[in-house]
Amino acid sequence: MADPISVAGISLAMVTILEDVYLVARFIYRSIDSAKHSEVEREELREEFEYEVLFLESFGRLYFSKGGFIDEAELKTTPIIYVVAS
């Protein structure tokens, strides 16, 4: 007859192995799913980056057009799109 402690140890080892296999399979599945959608994510990041660059360019134009001094009230009233277009 088998020792109960060794049976419990083997059972625990099997559960641990199955859990590890499940976690690795889940990681692989999510990695593949992420790779499938990477182009969409990359395009969204590119659009956000371009928006930030336009904002910085417009802020720079406003800053240098005023000689390096910008009033806080002017920042609140000057539309950024107007500054980029000018």
N, C-alpha and C. Protein backbone atom coordinates (compact mmCIF):
# COMPACT_ATOMS: atom_id res chain seq x y z
N MET A 1 0.84 -1.17 0.00
CA MET A 1 0.00 0.00 0.00
C MET A 1 0.90 1.24 0.00
N ALA A 2 0.44 2.25 -0.74
CA ALA A 2 1.22 3.49 -0.89
C ALA A 2 1.09 4.35 0.36
N ASP A 3 2.15 5.07 0.63
CA ASP A 3 2.18 5.97 1.76
C ASP A 3 1.26 7.17 1.46
N PRO A 4 0.35 7.54 2.38
CA PRO A 4 -0.58 8.65 2.11
C PRO A 4 0.14 9.98 1.88
N ILE A 5 1.26 10.18 2.52
CA ILE A 5 1.99 11.44 2.34
C ILE A 5 2.55 11.53 0.92
N SER A 6 3.06 10.42 0.38
CA SER A 6 3.60 10.45 -0.98
C SER A 6 2.48 10.63 -2.01
N VAL A 7 1.31 10.06 -1.76
CA VAL A 7 0.17 10.24 -2.66
C VAL A 7 -0.26 11.70 -2.67
N ALA A 8 -0.29 12.31 -1.50
CA ALA A 8 -0.67 13.72 -1.41
C ALA A 8 0.37 14.58 -2.11
N GLY A 9 1.64 14.24 -1.96
CA GLY A 9 2.70 15.00 -2.61
C GLY A 9 2.62 14.90 -4.12
N ILE A 10 2.35 13.69 -4.62
CA ILE A 10 2.21 13.49 -6.07
C ILE A 10 0.99 14.25 -6.58
N SER A 11 -0.11 14.21 -5.83
CA SER A 11 -1.32 14.94 -6.24
C SER A 11 -1.05 16.44 -6.29
N LEU A 12 -0.37 16.96 -5.29
CA LEU A 12 -0.04 18.37 -5.27
C LEU A 12 0.86 18.75 -6.44
N ALA A 13 1.82 17.89 -6.74
CA ALA A 13 2.72 18.13 -7.87
C ALA A 13 1.94 18.15 -9.18
N MET A 14 0.99 17.26 -9.35
CA MET A 14 0.18 17.22 -10.58
C MET A 14 -0.67 18.48 -10.72
N VAL A 15 -1.26 18.91 -9.61
CA VAL A 15 -2.07 20.13 -9.65
C VAL A 15 -1.19 21.32 -10.01
N THR A 16 0.00 21.39 -9.44
CA THR A 16 0.92 22.48 -9.73
C THR A 16 1.34 22.47 -11.19
N ILE A 17 1.62 21.30 -11.73
CA ILE A 17 2.01 21.18 -13.14
C ILE A 17 0.87 21.63 -14.05
N LEU A 18 -0.36 21.19 -13.74
CA LEU A 18 -1.51 21.59 -14.56
C LEU A 18 -1.74 23.10 -14.49
N GLU A 19 -1.55 23.68 -13.31
CA GLU A 19 -1.71 25.12 -13.17
C GLU A 19 -0.66 25.87 -14.00
N ASP A 20 0.58 25.40 -13.95
CA ASP A 20 1.65 26.03 -14.73
C ASP A 20 1.39 25.92 -16.23
N VAL A 21 0.92 24.76 -16.66
CA VAL A 21 0.62 24.58 -18.09
C VAL A 21 -0.51 25.51 -18.51
N TYR A 22 -1.53 25.64 -17.66
CA TYR A 22 -2.64 26.55 -17.95
C TYR A 22 -2.16 27.99 -18.06
N LEU A 23 -1.33 28.43 -17.12
CA LEU A 23 -0.86 29.81 -17.14
C LEU A 23 0.02 30.09 -18.35
N VAL A 24 0.86 29.14 -18.74
CA VAL A 24 1.70 29.33 -19.92
C VAL A 24 0.84 29.37 -21.19
N ALA A 25 -0.16 28.49 -21.27
CA ALA A 25 -1.05 28.48 -22.44
C ALA A 25 -1.83 29.78 -22.53
N ARG A 26 -2.28 30.29 -21.39
CA ARG A 26 -3.01 31.56 -21.39
C ARG A 26 -2.11 32.71 -21.82
N PHE A 27 -0.85 32.70 -21.38
CA PHE A 27 0.10 33.73 -21.78
C PHE A 27 0.34 33.68 -23.30
N ILE A 28 0.52 32.48 -23.83
CA ILE A 28 0.76 32.33 -25.27
C ILE A 28 -0.46 32.81 -26.06
N TYR A 29 -1.65 32.45 -25.61
CA TYR A 29 -2.87 32.87 -26.30
C TYR A 29 -2.98 34.40 -26.32
N ARG A 30 -2.73 35.04 -25.17
CA ARG A 30 -2.83 36.50 -25.12
C ARG A 30 -1.75 37.16 -25.95
N SER A 31 -0.57 36.57 -26.00
CA SER A 31 0.50 37.13 -26.84
C SER A 31 0.13 37.06 -28.31
N ILE A 32 -0.43 35.95 -28.73
CA ILE A 32 -0.85 35.80 -30.13
C ILE A 32 -1.98 36.78 -30.44
N ASP A 33 -2.92 36.90 -29.53
CA ASP A 33 -4.04 37.83 -29.73
C ASP A 33 -3.54 39.27 -29.81
N SER A 34 -2.59 39.62 -28.97
CA SER A 34 -2.01 40.97 -29.00
C SER A 34 -1.26 41.21 -30.30
N ALA A 35 -0.55 40.20 -30.78
CA ALA A 35 0.20 40.35 -32.04
C ALA A 35 -0.75 40.54 -33.21
N LYS A 36 -1.91 39.92 -33.16
CA LYS A 36 -2.89 40.09 -34.24
C LYS A 36 -3.38 41.53 -34.32
N HIS A 37 -3.50 42.18 -33.16
CA HIS A 37 -4.05 43.54 -33.11
C HIS A 37 -2.96 44.60 -32.97
N SER A 38 -1.73 44.24 -33.18
CA SER A 38 -0.65 45.20 -32.95
C SER A 38 -0.67 46.36 -33.95
N GLU A 39 -1.10 46.12 -35.17
CA GLU A 39 -1.13 47.19 -36.17
C GLU A 39 -2.14 48.27 -35.77
N VAL A 40 -3.27 47.85 -35.25
CA VAL A 40 -4.29 48.81 -34.81
C VAL A 40 -3.76 49.62 -33.63
N GLU A 41 -3.13 48.94 -32.67
CA GLU A 41 -2.57 49.64 -31.52
C GLU A 41 -1.48 50.61 -31.95
N ARG A 42 -0.64 50.17 -32.88
CA ARG A 42 0.45 51.02 -33.36
C ARG A 42 -0.10 52.26 -34.05
N GLU A 43 -1.18 52.11 -34.82
CA GLU A 43 -1.78 53.25 -35.51
C GLU A 43 -2.38 54.24 -34.50
N GLU A 44 -3.02 53.73 -33.45
CA GLU A 44 -3.58 54.62 -32.43
C GLU A 44 -2.47 55.39 -31.72
N LEU A 45 -1.36 54.72 -31.41
CA LEU A 45 -0.24 55.40 -30.77
C LEU A 45 0.38 56.44 -31.69
N ARG A 46 0.45 56.13 -32.99
CA ARG A 46 1.00 57.07 -33.96
C ARG A 46 0.13 58.33 -34.04
N GLU A 47 -1.19 58.15 -34.05
CA GLU A 47 -2.09 59.30 -34.10
C GLU A 47 -1.97 60.15 -32.84
N GLU A 48 -1.87 59.51 -31.69
CA GLU A 48 -1.73 60.25 -30.44
C GLU A 48 -0.40 61.02 -30.42
N PHE A 49 0.65 60.40 -30.92
CA PHE A 49 1.96 61.06 -30.98
C PHE A 49 1.91 62.26 -31.91
N GLU A 50 1.29 62.12 -33.08
CA GLU A 50 1.18 63.24 -34.01
C GLU A 50 0.39 64.40 -33.41
N TYR A 51 -0.65 64.08 -32.65
CA TYR A 51 -1.44 65.12 -31.99
C TYR A 51 -0.57 65.87 -30.98
N GLU A 52 0.21 65.13 -30.20
CA GLU A 52 1.07 65.78 -29.21
C GLU A 52 2.13 66.65 -29.88
N VAL A 53 2.67 66.21 -31.00
CA VAL A 53 3.67 67.00 -31.73
C VAL A 53 3.03 68.29 -32.24
N LEU A 54 1.82 68.19 -32.79
CA LEU A 54 1.13 69.39 -33.25
C LEU A 54 0.86 70.36 -32.11
N PHE A 55 0.49 69.83 -30.96
CA PHE A 55 0.25 70.69 -29.81
C PHE A 55 1.52 71.41 -29.40
N LEU A 56 2.65 70.69 -29.36
CA LEU A 56 3.91 71.33 -28.98
C LEU A 56 4.35 72.37 -30.01
N GLU A 57 4.13 72.07 -31.30
CA GLU A 57 4.48 73.05 -32.33
C GLU A 57 3.65 74.31 -32.18
N SER A 58 2.36 74.15 -31.93
CA SER A 58 1.50 75.32 -31.80
C SER A 58 1.85 76.11 -30.54
N PHE A 59 2.17 75.42 -29.47
CA PHE A 59 2.58 76.12 -28.26
C PHE A 59 3.88 76.87 -28.49
N GLY A 60 4.81 76.26 -29.20
CA GLY A 60 6.08 76.93 -29.52
C GLY A 60 5.87 78.17 -30.36
N ARG A 61 4.97 78.09 -31.35
CA ARG A 61 4.69 79.27 -32.18
C ARG A 61 4.09 80.39 -31.35
N LEU A 62 3.16 80.04 -30.47
CA LEU A 62 2.56 81.05 -29.61
C LEU A 62 3.60 81.65 -28.68
N TYR A 63 4.45 80.84 -28.13
CA TYR A 63 5.48 81.30 -27.18
C TYR A 63 6.46 82.26 -27.86
N PHE A 64 6.95 81.87 -29.03
CA PHE A 64 7.95 82.71 -29.69
C PHE A 64 7.32 83.93 -30.38
N SER A 65 6.04 83.85 -30.72
CA SER A 65 5.41 85.03 -31.32
C SER A 65 5.19 86.13 -30.29
N LYS A 66 5.17 85.78 -29.02
CA LYS A 66 4.98 86.75 -27.95
C LYS A 66 6.29 87.12 -27.27
N GLY A 67 7.41 86.76 -27.85
CA GLY A 67 8.71 87.12 -27.29
C GLY A 67 9.08 86.34 -26.04
N GLY A 68 8.53 85.18 -25.87
CA GLY A 68 8.86 84.34 -24.72
C GLY A 68 8.00 84.55 -23.51
N PHE A 69 7.02 85.44 -23.60
CA PHE A 69 6.13 85.69 -22.47
C PHE A 69 4.71 85.37 -22.89
N ILE A 70 4.05 84.53 -22.10
CA ILE A 70 2.67 84.17 -22.39
C ILE A 70 1.84 84.42 -21.14
N ASP A 71 0.77 85.16 -21.30
CA ASP A 71 -0.15 85.42 -20.20
C ASP A 71 -1.04 84.18 -20.04
N GLU A 72 -1.31 83.80 -18.81
CA GLU A 72 -2.14 82.62 -18.57
C GLU A 72 -3.55 82.79 -19.14
N ALA A 73 -4.07 83.97 -19.07
CA ALA A 73 -5.41 84.24 -19.62
C ALA A 73 -5.40 84.05 -21.13
N GLU A 74 -4.28 84.39 -21.78
CA GLU A 74 -4.19 84.23 -23.22
C GLU A 74 -4.16 82.75 -23.61
N LEU A 75 -3.53 81.93 -22.78
CA LEU A 75 -3.52 80.49 -23.06
C LEU A 75 -4.92 79.92 -23.01
N LYS A 76 -5.74 80.42 -22.10
CA LYS A 76 -7.10 79.91 -21.97
C LYS A 76 -8.00 80.37 -23.11
N THR A 77 -7.69 81.51 -23.72
CA THR A 77 -8.57 82.05 -24.75
C THR A 77 -8.09 81.77 -26.16
N THR A 78 -6.80 81.48 -26.36
CA THR A 78 -6.27 81.25 -27.70
C THR A 78 -6.51 79.81 -28.11
N PRO A 79 -7.29 79.60 -29.14
CA PRO A 79 -7.51 78.21 -29.57
C PRO A 79 -6.24 77.66 -30.22
N ILE A 80 -5.90 76.45 -29.84
CA ILE A 80 -4.68 75.82 -30.34
C ILE A 80 -4.77 75.61 -31.85
N ILE A 81 -5.95 75.29 -32.36
CA ILE A 81 -6.09 75.04 -33.79
C ILE A 81 -5.79 76.32 -34.57
N TYR A 82 -6.19 77.46 -34.05
CA TYR A 82 -5.90 78.72 -34.73
C TYR A 82 -4.39 78.97 -34.77
N VAL A 83 -3.70 78.64 -33.69
CA VAL A 83 -2.26 78.86 -33.63
C VAL A 83 -1.56 77.93 -34.61
N VAL A 84 -2.00 76.68 -34.73
CA VAL A 84 -1.39 75.75 -35.67
C VAL A 84 -1.63 76.20 -37.10
N ALA A 85 -2.84 76.72 -37.36
CA ALA A 85 -3.18 77.12 -38.73
C ALA A 85 -2.47 78.40 -39.16
N SER A 86 -2.06 79.23 -38.22
CA SER A 86 -1.45 80.52 -38.60
C SER A 86 -0.01 80.38 -38.98
